[in-house]
Each structure stands twice: as C-alpha cells, then as structure tokens.
Amino acid sequence: MKFRPCIDLHQGKVVQIVGGSLQESDQSSLKINFTSTSSSVEYAKLYQKDGLTGGHVVSLGGGNQQAALDALSAFPGGLQYGGGVNPVNATTFLEAGASHVIVTSYVFDSGKINLDKMRQLLDVTGKDKLVLDLSCRQRDGDYYVVTDRWQTFTEEKVDSALLESLAVYCSEFLVHGVDVEGKQQGIEENLISLLGRHSPLPVTYAGGVKKLSDLDLVQSLGQDKVDLTIGSALDIFGGQVPYVDVLKWLENS
C-alpha cells in the first residue's frame, strides 16, 4: 500500500474541507476544516523531498488554476490533477507537469457514464495518463458514484461490474468516501474492502481517516491493493496525525 498525498485548492489556497459541502450555487455552505498559510508549491516540494509520488492536486471551484499549475510544475511527474478536466484543458495540466489528469463529472450525462465523452478525452490523454474519479456515497446499502461537487447521485453503482467495465479506459481509480470525507470519524470499511476485492486497477481511497492505525486497517481491508490519501487528519493540515509518523509507517510497512 502506498500513501498518496494531496493538495486541495479553494480560491488559490491550500485547504481541507468537509466532503460534499461545496455547492456551486451556495458558497456559504462550504465547511472548511483548515486553510494553510503555506503555498501549493511548498506542499509539492515537501512531497517531492519525501519521495511521495502519485498524489493529487484538486481544484475545488474556480480561482485555482495558477496555484495548481505552480504545484504541478514544482513536482513534475509527481502529482495528478483533478477539477473540471475536459478534452480542451487536459493538455494544459499534463504539459505543466501532471503525471495524470483525473476526470469525473465531464464523462457523466443524465446519471450514466457517457463512453463517447470518455473516448474524446482518451484521444487527448491516452489511457496511461487518465484517472477516473468514482467518488461515491451510500444509498440503500450500496455505493453510487456522485458528481457535480459530490451533490448528484448517478445511476452507476460501484461494484465489480462497473470497475471491470471502466478499467479499459483509464490507468487508475480515485475514490473518495464522500459521506465521511473531511470528518475524521472513521473510514468506509465496506467500501475499502469492496475496492480491494474487485478493482482490477490501482485505486486510491480517501475519506474519514482519524488516526495512524487507520493505515494498518486500510492495508488489511484493501488486501494491500488500495492506496490511501489522508487530508484533514494530518498535522500539516491542522489534524492530529503526525506527517512524520506516516513517513515512518511507510518505511516499516
């Protein structure tokens, strides 16, 4: 299992938020756990120094492009980019240094994956540089992909059939457990187990981590095949889990 770092951006600042609280029509709904005085570049250089590749820079709304491009350029090939990615702008982020671009809402129409749009994006990025975001929420005991800043349920259930069918279009999956994202109340154990059993591609899980031992739990539940992102719980984002202890865990795992 790898630890995948993150740089979440809101209005050009590095932040941590409660997942699902960002709404395009109502910025007052946004619940921010932490706003950093350090720049996106400083975080990118920290991750580069510590050899942490495969993390992601995510733009939460507008006003973040320069901060995103600066972070990608500071750690070329070390970070992925997500946030409003489409065939028109994907090359901008890849040329700035992103190892991959992450897509979600663009490839969904009327609650379903639009494979024509997926192919249009693939024509620009190629399979090897595309990550599909399948962030999800629970409904009636199953997990469904959510789009539009995690506000809209799609008809796509996260299960073995969906993972297998989409694996031909991308190189990785990124999955936020949106119901627990940013709350530090515990991880989505059932979701991680599902991903560990059924994902045919590398997959990164994010959401709900509250203590260092959660790394062991994710490693076990995900059968050592699910990578982990920690946001609000890390001390570099105002949380209680020391970043240096995560580095030590990686050395010993």
C-alpha atoms as a PDB file:
ATOM      1  CA  MET A   1       0.000   0.000   0.000  1.00  0.00           C
ATOM      2  CA  LYS A   2       1.185   3.499  -0.860  1.00  0.00           C
ATOM      3  CA  PHE A   3       0.401   6.772   0.848  1.00  0.00           C
ATOM      4  CA  ARG A   4      -0.859   9.287  -1.713  1.00  0.00           C
ATOM      5  CA  PRO A   5      -0.524  12.936  -0.622  1.00  0.00           C
ATOM      6  CA  CYS A   6      -2.960  15.675  -1.587  1.00  0.00           C
ATOM      7  CA  ILE A   7      -3.149  19.391  -2.300  1.00  0.00           C
ATOM      8  CA  ASP A   8      -6.761  20.582  -2.235  1.00  0.00           C
ATOM      9  CA  LEU A   9      -7.258  24.125  -3.520  1.00  0.00           C
ATOM     10  CA  HIS A  10     -10.032  26.632  -2.888  1.00  0.00           C
ATOM     11  CA  GLN A  11      -9.704  30.213  -4.144  1.00  0.00           C
ATOM     12  CA  GLY A  12      -5.991  29.639  -4.648  1.00  0.00           C
ATOM     13  CA  LYS A  13      -5.333  28.487  -1.075  1.00  0.00           C
ATOM     14  CA  VAL A  14      -4.476  25.003   0.196  1.00  0.00           C
ATOM     15  CA  VAL A  15      -7.431  23.832   2.276  1.00  0.00           C
ATOM     16  CA  GLN A  16      -9.168  20.849   3.752  1.00  0.00           C
ATOM     17  CA  ILE A  17     -12.964  20.754   3.615  1.00  0.00           C
ATOM     18  CA  VAL A  18     -15.850  18.540   4.643  1.00  0.00           C
ATOM     19  CA  GLY A  19     -16.629  16.488   1.547  1.00  0.00           C
ATOM     20  CA  GLY A  20     -19.875  17.294  -0.163  1.00  0.00           C
ATOM     21  CA  SER A  21     -20.226  20.720   1.460  1.00  0.00           C
ATOM     22  CA  LEU A  22     -19.055  22.612  -1.657  1.00  0.00           C
ATOM     23  CA  GLN A  23     -22.001  23.706  -3.781  1.00  0.00           C
ATOM     24  CA  GLU A  24     -21.686  25.859  -6.878  1.00  0.00           C
ATOM     25  CA  SER A  25     -24.867  27.774  -6.083  1.00  0.00           C
ATOM     26  CA  ASP A  26     -24.157  28.352  -2.383  1.00  0.00           C
ATOM     27  CA  GLN A  27     -20.579  29.053  -1.325  1.00  0.00           C
ATOM     28  CA  SER A  28     -21.794  29.725   2.233  1.00  0.00           C
ATOM     29  CA  SER A  29     -22.459  26.000   2.623  1.00  0.00           C
ATOM     30  CA  LEU A  30     -18.743  25.205   2.388  1.00  0.00           C
ATOM     31  CA  LYS A  31     -17.298  23.814   5.619  1.00  0.00           C
ATOM     32  CA  ILE A  32     -13.547  24.448   5.741  1.00  0.00           C
ATOM     33  CA  ASN A  33     -11.556  22.452   8.278  1.00  0.00           C
ATOM     34  CA  PHE A  34      -8.232  24.131   7.532  1.00  0.00           C
ATOM     35  CA  THR A  35      -6.700  26.877   5.420  1.00  0.00           C
ATOM     36  CA  SER A  36      -2.925  26.786   5.091  1.00  0.00           C
ATOM     37  CA  THR A  37      -0.520  29.695   5.167  1.00  0.00           C
ATOM     38  CA  SER A  38       1.819  27.596   3.013  1.00  0.00           C
ATOM     39  CA  SER A  39       1.521  27.663  -0.765  1.00  0.00           C
ATOM     40  CA  SER A  40       0.688  24.819  -3.094  1.00  0.00           C
ATOM     41  CA  VAL A  41       4.321  24.900  -4.240  1.00  0.00           C
ATOM     42  CA  GLU A  42       5.598  24.383  -0.695  1.00  0.00           C
ATOM     43  CA  TYR A  43       3.445  21.279  -0.303  1.00  0.00           C
ATOM     44  CA  ALA A  44       4.531  19.967  -3.704  1.00  0.00           C
ATOM     45  CA  LYS A  45       8.201  20.415  -2.801  1.00  0.00           C
ATOM     46  CA  LEU A  46       7.638  18.699   0.555  1.00  0.00           C
ATOM     47  CA  TYR A  47       6.153  15.662  -1.159  1.00  0.00           C
ATOM     48  CA  GLN A  48       8.956  15.659  -3.713  1.00  0.00           C
ATOM     49  CA  LYS A  49      11.583  15.774  -0.950  1.00  0.00           C
ATOM     50  CA  ASP A  50       9.970  12.804   0.768  1.00  0.00           C
ATOM     51  CA  GLY A  51       9.561  10.800  -2.443  1.00  0.00           C
ATOM     52  CA  LEU A  52       5.770  10.688  -2.277  1.00  0.00           C
ATOM     53  CA  THR A  53       4.538  10.273  -5.835  1.00  0.00           C
ATOM     54  CA  GLY A  54       1.042   9.641  -7.167  1.00  0.00           C
ATOM     55  CA  GLY A  55      -0.706  12.247  -5.041  1.00  0.00           C
ATOM     56  CA  HIS A  56      -3.262  14.632  -6.407  1.00  0.00           C
ATOM     57  CA  VAL A  57      -3.873  18.347  -6.789  1.00  0.00           C
ATOM     58  CA  VAL A  58      -7.620  19.007  -6.791  1.00  0.00           C
ATOM     59  CA  SER A  59      -9.304  22.291  -7.637  1.00  0.00           C
ATOM     60  CA  LEU A  60     -12.428  22.908  -5.568  1.00  0.00           C
ATOM     61  CA  GLY A  61     -14.186  25.510  -7.670  1.00  0.00           C
ATOM     62  CA  GLY A  62     -12.732  28.451  -9.572  1.00  0.00           C
ATOM     63  CA  GLY A  63      -9.731  30.643  -8.924  1.00  0.00           C
ATOM     64  CA  ASN A  64      -7.255  27.805  -8.535  1.00  0.00           C
ATOM     65  CA  GLN A  65      -5.612  27.322 -11.913  1.00  0.00           C
ATOM     66  CA  GLN A  66      -2.394  29.217 -11.214  1.00  0.00           C
ATOM     67  CA  ALA A  67      -1.880  27.559  -7.825  1.00  0.00           C
ATOM     68  CA  ALA A  68      -2.500  24.177  -9.463  1.00  0.00           C
ATOM     69  CA  LEU A  69      -0.112  24.810 -12.331  1.00  0.00           C
ATOM     70  CA  ASP A  70       2.547  26.077  -9.929  1.00  0.00           C
ATOM     71  CA  ALA A  71       2.299  22.909  -7.806  1.00  0.00           C
ATOM     72  CA  LEU A  72       2.455  20.625 -10.840  1.00  0.00           C
ATOM     73  CA  SER A  73       5.489  22.484 -12.183  1.00  0.00           C
ATOM     74  CA  ALA A  74       7.231  22.288  -8.802  1.00  0.00           C
ATOM     75  CA  PHE A  75       6.991  18.469  -8.770  1.00  0.00           C
ATOM     76  CA  PRO A  76       6.900  17.422 -12.429  1.00  0.00           C
ATOM     77  CA  GLY A  77       5.611  13.901 -12.911  1.00  0.00           C
ATOM     78  CA  GLY A  78       4.877  13.535  -9.205  1.00  0.00           C
ATOM     79  CA  LEU A  79       1.287  14.730  -8.920  1.00  0.00           C
ATOM     80  CA  GLN A  80      -2.031  14.162 -10.648  1.00  0.00           C
ATOM     81  CA  TYR A  81      -4.537  16.933 -11.333  1.00  0.00           C
ATOM     82  CA  GLY A  82      -8.310  16.941 -10.976  1.00  0.00           C
ATOM     83  CA  GLY A  83     -11.008  19.569 -11.191  1.00  0.00           C
ATOM     84  CA  GLY A  84     -13.025  20.431 -14.285  1.00  0.00           C
ATOM     85  CA  VAL A  85     -10.853  18.327 -16.594  1.00  0.00           C
ATOM     86  CA  ASN A  86     -12.086  18.015 -20.177  1.00  0.00           C
ATOM     87  CA  PRO A  87     -10.563  17.431 -23.635  1.00  0.00           C
ATOM     88  CA  VAL A  88      -9.906  21.156 -24.089  1.00  0.00           C
ATOM     89  CA  ASN A  89      -7.862  21.778 -20.931  1.00  0.00           C
ATOM     90  CA  ALA A  90      -6.353  18.357 -20.149  1.00  0.00           C
ATOM     91  CA  THR A  91      -3.185  19.063 -22.133  1.00  0.00           C
ATOM     92  CA  THR A  92      -2.569  22.268 -20.150  1.00  0.00           C
ATOM     93  CA  PHE A  93      -2.210  20.321 -16.924  1.00  0.00           C
ATOM     94  CA  LEU A  94      -0.214  17.484 -18.451  1.00  0.00           C
ATOM     95  CA  GLU A  95       2.214  19.929 -20.036  1.00  0.00           C
ATOM     96  CA  ALA A  96       2.561  21.736 -16.690  1.00  0.00           C
ATOM     97  CA  GLY A  97       3.847  18.512 -15.138  1.00  0.00           C
ATOM     98  CA  ALA A  98       0.840  16.428 -14.101  1.00  0.00           C
ATOM     99  CA  SER A  99       1.540  12.718 -14.343  1.00  0.00           C
ATOM    100  CA  HIS A 100      -2.194  12.105 -14.913  1.00  0.00           C
ATOM    101  CA  VAL A 101      -5.438  14.028 -15.108  1.00  0.00           C
ATOM    102  CA  ILE A 102      -8.444  12.988 -13.027  1.00  0.00           C
ATOM    103  CA  VAL A 103     -11.929  13.134 -14.515  1.00  0.00           C
ATOM    104  CA  THR A 104     -15.396  12.642 -13.139  1.00  0.00           C
ATOM    105  CA  SER A 105     -18.326  14.943 -13.986  1.00  0.00           C
ATOM    106  CA  TYR A 106     -17.306  15.514 -17.612  1.00  0.00           C
ATOM    107  CA  VAL A 107     -17.848  11.875 -18.570  1.00  0.00           C
ATOM    108  CA  PHE A 108     -21.293  11.624 -16.973  1.00  0.00           C
ATOM    109  CA  ASP A 109     -24.586  12.522 -18.662  1.00  0.00           C
ATOM    110  CA  SER A 110     -28.039  12.038 -17.134  1.00  0.00           C
ATOM    111  CA  GLY A 111     -26.643   9.870 -14.376  1.00  0.00           C
ATOM    112  CA  LYS A 112     -24.671   7.492 -16.588  1.00  0.00           C
ATOM    113  CA  ILE A 113     -21.153   7.194 -17.966  1.00  0.00           C
ATOM    114  CA  ASN A 114     -21.002   8.671 -21.465  1.00  0.00           C
ATOM    115  CA  LEU A 115     -18.487   6.493 -23.286  1.00  0.00           C
ATOM    116  CA  ASP A 116     -18.329   8.855 -26.251  1.00  0.00           C
ATOM    117  CA  LYS A 117     -17.081  11.591 -23.937  1.00  0.00           C
ATOM    118  CA  MET A 118     -14.680   9.136 -22.354  1.00  0.00           C
ATOM    119  CA  ARG A 119     -13.219   8.325 -25.763  1.00  0.00           C
ATOM    120  CA  GLN A 120     -12.926  12.022 -26.628  1.00  0.00           C
ATOM    121  CA  LEU A 121     -10.860  12.532 -23.511  1.00  0.00           C
ATOM    122  CA  LEU A 122      -8.785   9.437 -24.207  1.00  0.00           C
ATOM    123  CA  ASP A 123      -7.917  10.824 -27.618  1.00  0.00           C
ATOM    124  CA  VAL A 124      -6.188  13.677 -25.788  1.00  0.00           C
ATOM    125  CA  THR A 125      -4.687  11.973 -22.733  1.00  0.00           C
ATOM    126  CA  GLY A 126      -4.289   8.328 -23.644  1.00  0.00           C
ATOM    127  CA  LYS A 127      -5.271   5.585 -21.193  1.00  0.00           C
ATOM    128  CA  ASP A 128      -1.985   5.740 -19.296  1.00  0.00           C
ATOM    129  CA  LYS A 129      -2.484   9.342 -18.169  1.00  0.00           C
ATOM    130  CA  LEU A 130      -6.146   9.183 -17.208  1.00  0.00           C
ATOM    131  CA  VAL A 131      -7.539   8.557 -13.715  1.00  0.00           C
ATOM    132  CA  LEU A 132     -11.273   8.060 -13.286  1.00  0.00           C
ATOM    133  CA  ASP A 133     -12.794   9.521 -10.133  1.00  0.00           C
ATOM    134  CA  LEU A 134     -15.505   7.226  -8.795  1.00  0.00           C
ATOM    135  CA  SER A 135     -16.109   9.071  -5.546  1.00  0.00           C
ATOM    136  CA  CYS A 136     -19.316   7.797  -4.050  1.00  0.00           C
ATOM    137  CA  ARG A 137     -21.980   7.941  -1.392  1.00  0.00           C
ATOM    138  CA  GLN A 138     -24.021   5.176   0.167  1.00  0.00           C
ATOM    139  CA  ARG A 139     -27.675   4.647  -0.707  1.00  0.00           C
ATOM    140  CA  ASP A 140     -29.801   1.636   0.216  1.00  0.00           C
ATOM    141  CA  GLY A 141     -26.726  -0.308   1.292  1.00  0.00           C
ATOM    142  CA  ASP A 142     -24.760   0.221  -1.935  1.00  0.00           C
ATOM    143  CA  TYR A 143     -22.292   2.855  -3.100  1.00  0.00           C
ATOM    144  CA  TYR A 144     -23.169   5.079  -6.054  1.00  0.00           C
ATOM    145  CA  VAL A 145     -20.886   7.476  -7.904  1.00  0.00           C
ATOM    146  CA  VAL A 146     -21.707  11.128  -7.194  1.00  0.00           C
ATOM    147  CA  THR A 147     -20.901  14.084  -9.444  1.00  0.00           C
ATOM    148  CA  ASP A 148     -21.305  17.892  -9.535  1.00  0.00           C
ATOM    149  CA  ARG A 149     -19.188  18.571  -6.460  1.00  0.00           C
ATOM    150  CA  TRP A 150     -20.498  15.310  -4.986  1.00  0.00           C
ATOM    151  CA  GLN A 151     -24.067  16.623  -4.836  1.00  0.00           C
ATOM    152  CA  THR A 152     -25.705  14.472  -7.525  1.00  0.00           C
ATOM    153  CA  PHE A 153     -26.237  10.716  -7.327  1.00  0.00           C
ATOM    154  CA  THR A 154     -25.661   8.889 -10.590  1.00  0.00           C
ATOM    155  CA  GLU A 155     -27.095   5.513 -11.560  1.00  0.00           C
ATOM    156  CA  GLU A 156     -23.609   3.961 -11.540  1.00  0.00           C
ATOM    157  CA  LYS A 157     -23.196   1.551  -8.628  1.00  0.00           C
ATOM    158  CA  VAL A 158     -19.627   0.922  -7.522  1.00  0.00           C
ATOM    159  CA  ASP A 159     -19.281  -2.826  -7.845  1.00  0.00           C
ATOM    160  CA  SER A 160     -17.149  -5.413  -9.628  1.00  0.00           C
ATOM    161  CA  ALA A 161     -19.053  -4.989 -12.907  1.00  0.00           C
ATOM    162  CA  LEU A 162     -18.522  -1.222 -13.032  1.00  0.00           C
ATOM    163  CA  LEU A 163     -14.850  -1.443 -12.081  1.00  0.00           C
ATOM    164  CA  GLU A 164     -14.164  -4.105 -14.692  1.00  0.00           C
ATOM    165  CA  SER A 165     -16.030  -2.263 -17.441  1.00  0.00           C
ATOM    166  CA  LEU A 166     -14.260   1.055 -16.832  1.00  0.00           C
ATOM    167  CA  ALA A 167     -10.772  -0.363 -16.358  1.00  0.00           C
ATOM    168  CA  VAL A 168     -10.206  -0.408 -20.123  1.00  0.00           C
ATOM    169  CA  TYR A 169     -10.478   3.392 -20.273  1.00  0.00           C
ATOM    170  CA  CYS A 170      -8.061   4.540 -17.555  1.00  0.00           C
ATOM    171  CA  SER A 171      -4.957   3.622 -15.608  1.00  0.00           C
ATOM    172  CA  GLU A 172      -6.230   4.192 -12.049  1.00  0.00           C
ATOM    173  CA  PHE A 173      -9.312   4.910  -9.982  1.00  0.00           C
ATOM    174  CA  LEU A 174      -9.674   7.562  -7.287  1.00  0.00           C
ATOM    175  CA  VAL A 175     -12.476   7.007  -4.780  1.00  0.00           C
ATOM    176  CA  HIS A 176     -13.481   9.386  -2.013  1.00  0.00           C
ATOM    177  CA  GLY A 177     -15.853   8.038   0.595  1.00  0.00           C
ATOM    178  CA  VAL A 178     -17.880  11.237   0.440  1.00  0.00           C
ATOM    179  CA  ASP A 179     -20.096  10.521   3.450  1.00  0.00           C
ATOM    180  CA  VAL A 180     -17.036  10.595   5.745  1.00  0.00           C
ATOM    181  CA  GLU A 181     -14.693  12.846   3.759  1.00  0.00           C
ATOM    182  CA  GLY A 182     -13.162  15.539   5.957  1.00  0.00           C
ATOM    183  CA  LYS A 183     -14.986  14.413   9.117  1.00  0.00           C
ATOM    184  CA  GLN A 184     -12.236  12.334  10.784  1.00  0.00           C
ATOM    185  CA  GLN A 185     -14.877   9.932  12.070  1.00  0.00           C
ATOM    186  CA  GLY A 186     -13.567   6.706  10.612  1.00  0.00           C
ATOM    187  CA  ILE A 187     -13.050   5.198   7.185  1.00  0.00           C
ATOM    188  CA  GLU A 188     -15.623   3.490   4.942  1.00  0.00           C
ATOM    189  CA  GLU A 189     -14.551  -0.056   5.746  1.00  0.00           C
ATOM    190  CA  ASN A 190     -17.048  -1.775   3.461  1.00  0.00           C
ATOM    191  CA  LEU A 191     -16.064   0.418   0.523  1.00  0.00           C
ATOM    192  CA  ILE A 192     -12.358  -0.248   1.014  1.00  0.00           C
ATOM    193  CA  SER A 193     -12.995  -3.989   1.218  1.00  0.00           C
ATOM    194  CA  LEU A 194     -15.021  -3.824  -1.986  1.00  0.00           C
ATOM    195  CA  LEU A 195     -12.242  -1.980  -3.789  1.00  0.00           C
ATOM    196  CA  GLY A 196      -9.612  -4.404  -2.537  1.00  0.00           C
ATOM    197  CA  ARG A 197     -11.607  -7.386  -3.756  1.00  0.00           C
ATOM    198  CA  HIS A 198     -12.755  -6.103  -7.111  1.00  0.00           C
ATOM    199  CA  SER A 199     -10.628  -3.295  -8.558  1.00  0.00           C
ATOM    200  CA  PRO A 200      -8.511  -4.565 -11.481  1.00  0.00           C
ATOM    201  CA  LEU A 201      -6.508  -1.305 -11.440  1.00  0.00           C
ATOM    202  CA  PRO A 202      -4.552   0.642  -8.835  1.00  0.00           C
ATOM    203  CA  VAL A 203      -7.081   2.510  -6.703  1.00  0.00           C
ATOM    204  CA  THR A 204      -6.684   5.280  -4.152  1.00  0.00           C
ATOM    205  CA  TYR A 205      -9.175   5.722  -1.311  1.00  0.00           C
ATOM    206  CA  ALA A 206      -9.722   8.945   0.655  1.00  0.00           C
ATOM    207  CA  GLY A 207     -12.080   9.809   3.464  1.00  0.00           C
ATOM    208  CA  GLY A 208     -12.543   9.573   7.211  1.00  0.00           C
ATOM    209  CA  VAL A 209      -9.046   8.758   8.474  1.00  0.00           C
ATOM    210  CA  LYS A 210      -8.721   9.824  12.119  1.00  0.00           C
ATOM    211  CA  LYS A 211      -5.645   8.016  13.490  1.00  0.00           C
ATOM    212  CA  LEU A 212      -2.370   6.486  12.362  1.00  0.00           C
ATOM    213  CA  SER A 213      -3.637   2.927  12.849  1.00  0.00           C
ATOM    214  CA  ASP A 214      -6.115   3.534  10.043  1.00  0.00           C
ATOM    215  CA  LEU A 215      -3.207   2.909   7.665  1.00  0.00           C
ATOM    216  CA  ASP A 216      -2.971  -0.647   9.005  1.00  0.00           C
ATOM    217  CA  LEU A 217      -6.719  -1.058   8.704  1.00  0.00           C
ATOM    218  CA  VAL A 218      -6.796   0.126   5.088  1.00  0.00           C
ATOM    219  CA  GLN A 219      -3.830  -2.093   4.247  1.00  0.00           C
ATOM    220  CA  SER A 220      -5.669  -5.093   5.684  1.00  0.00           C
ATOM    221  CA  LEU A 221      -9.170  -4.378   4.358  1.00  0.00           C
ATOM    222  CA  GLY A 222      -7.856  -3.434   0.929  1.00  0.00           C
ATOM    223  CA  GLN A 223      -5.673  -6.546   0.768  1.00  0.00           C
ATOM    224  CA  ASP A 224      -2.624  -4.284   0.322  1.00  0.00           C
ATOM    225  CA  LYS A 225      -4.022  -3.174  -3.053  1.00  0.00           C
ATOM    226  CA  VAL A 226      -5.789   0.043  -2.033  1.00  0.00           C
ATOM    227  CA  ASP A 227      -3.646   3.151  -1.603  1.00  0.00           C
ATOM    228  CA  LEU A 228      -4.611   5.820   0.918  1.00  0.00           C
ATOM    229  CA  THR A 229      -4.906   9.596   0.997  1.00  0.00           C
ATOM    230  CA  ILE A 230      -5.068  11.410   4.335  1.00  0.00           C
ATOM    231  CA  GLY A 231      -6.252  15.000   4.413  1.00  0.00           C
ATOM    232  CA  SER A 232      -7.793  16.745   7.412  1.00  0.00           C
ATOM    233  CA  ALA A 233      -6.352  14.280   9.934  1.00  0.00           C
ATOM    234  CA  LEU A 234      -2.721  15.121   9.064  1.00  0.00           C
ATOM    235  CA  ASP A 235      -0.906  17.661  11.231  1.00  0.00           C
ATOM    236  CA  ILE A 236       0.294  19.504   8.110  1.00  0.00           C
ATOM    237  CA  PHE A 237      -3.409  20.236   7.561  1.00  0.00           C
ATOM    238  CA  GLY A 238      -4.216  21.028  11.179  1.00  0.00           C
ATOM    239  CA  GLY A 239      -5.018  17.472  12.272  1.00  0.00           C
ATOM    240  CA  GLN A 240      -3.668  15.107  14.928  1.00  0.00           C
ATOM    241  CA  VAL A 241      -1.814  12.507  12.819  1.00  0.00           C
ATOM    242  CA  PRO A 242       1.869  13.466  12.501  1.00  0.00           C
ATOM    243  CA  TYR A 243       3.039  13.542   8.889  1.00  0.00           C
ATOM    244  CA  VAL A 244       6.451  12.264  10.008  1.00  0.00           C
ATOM    245  CA  ASP A 245       4.774   9.226  11.591  1.00  0.00           C
ATOM    246  CA  VAL A 246       3.133   8.416   8.266  1.00  0.00           C
ATOM    247  CA  LEU A 247       6.587   8.519   6.650  1.00  0.00           C
ATOM    248  CA  LYS A 248       7.898   6.170   9.358  1.00  0.00           C
ATOM    249  CA  TRP A 249       4.946   3.828   8.799  1.00  0.00           C
ATOM    250  CA  LEU A 250       5.804   3.681   5.106  1.00  0.00           C
ATOM    251  CA  GLU A 251       9.415   2.861   5.879  1.00  0.00           C
ATOM    252  CA  ASN A 252       8.373  -0.025   8.108  1.00  0.00           C
ATOM    253  CA  SER A 253       5.497  -1.425   6.085  1.00  0.00           C
END
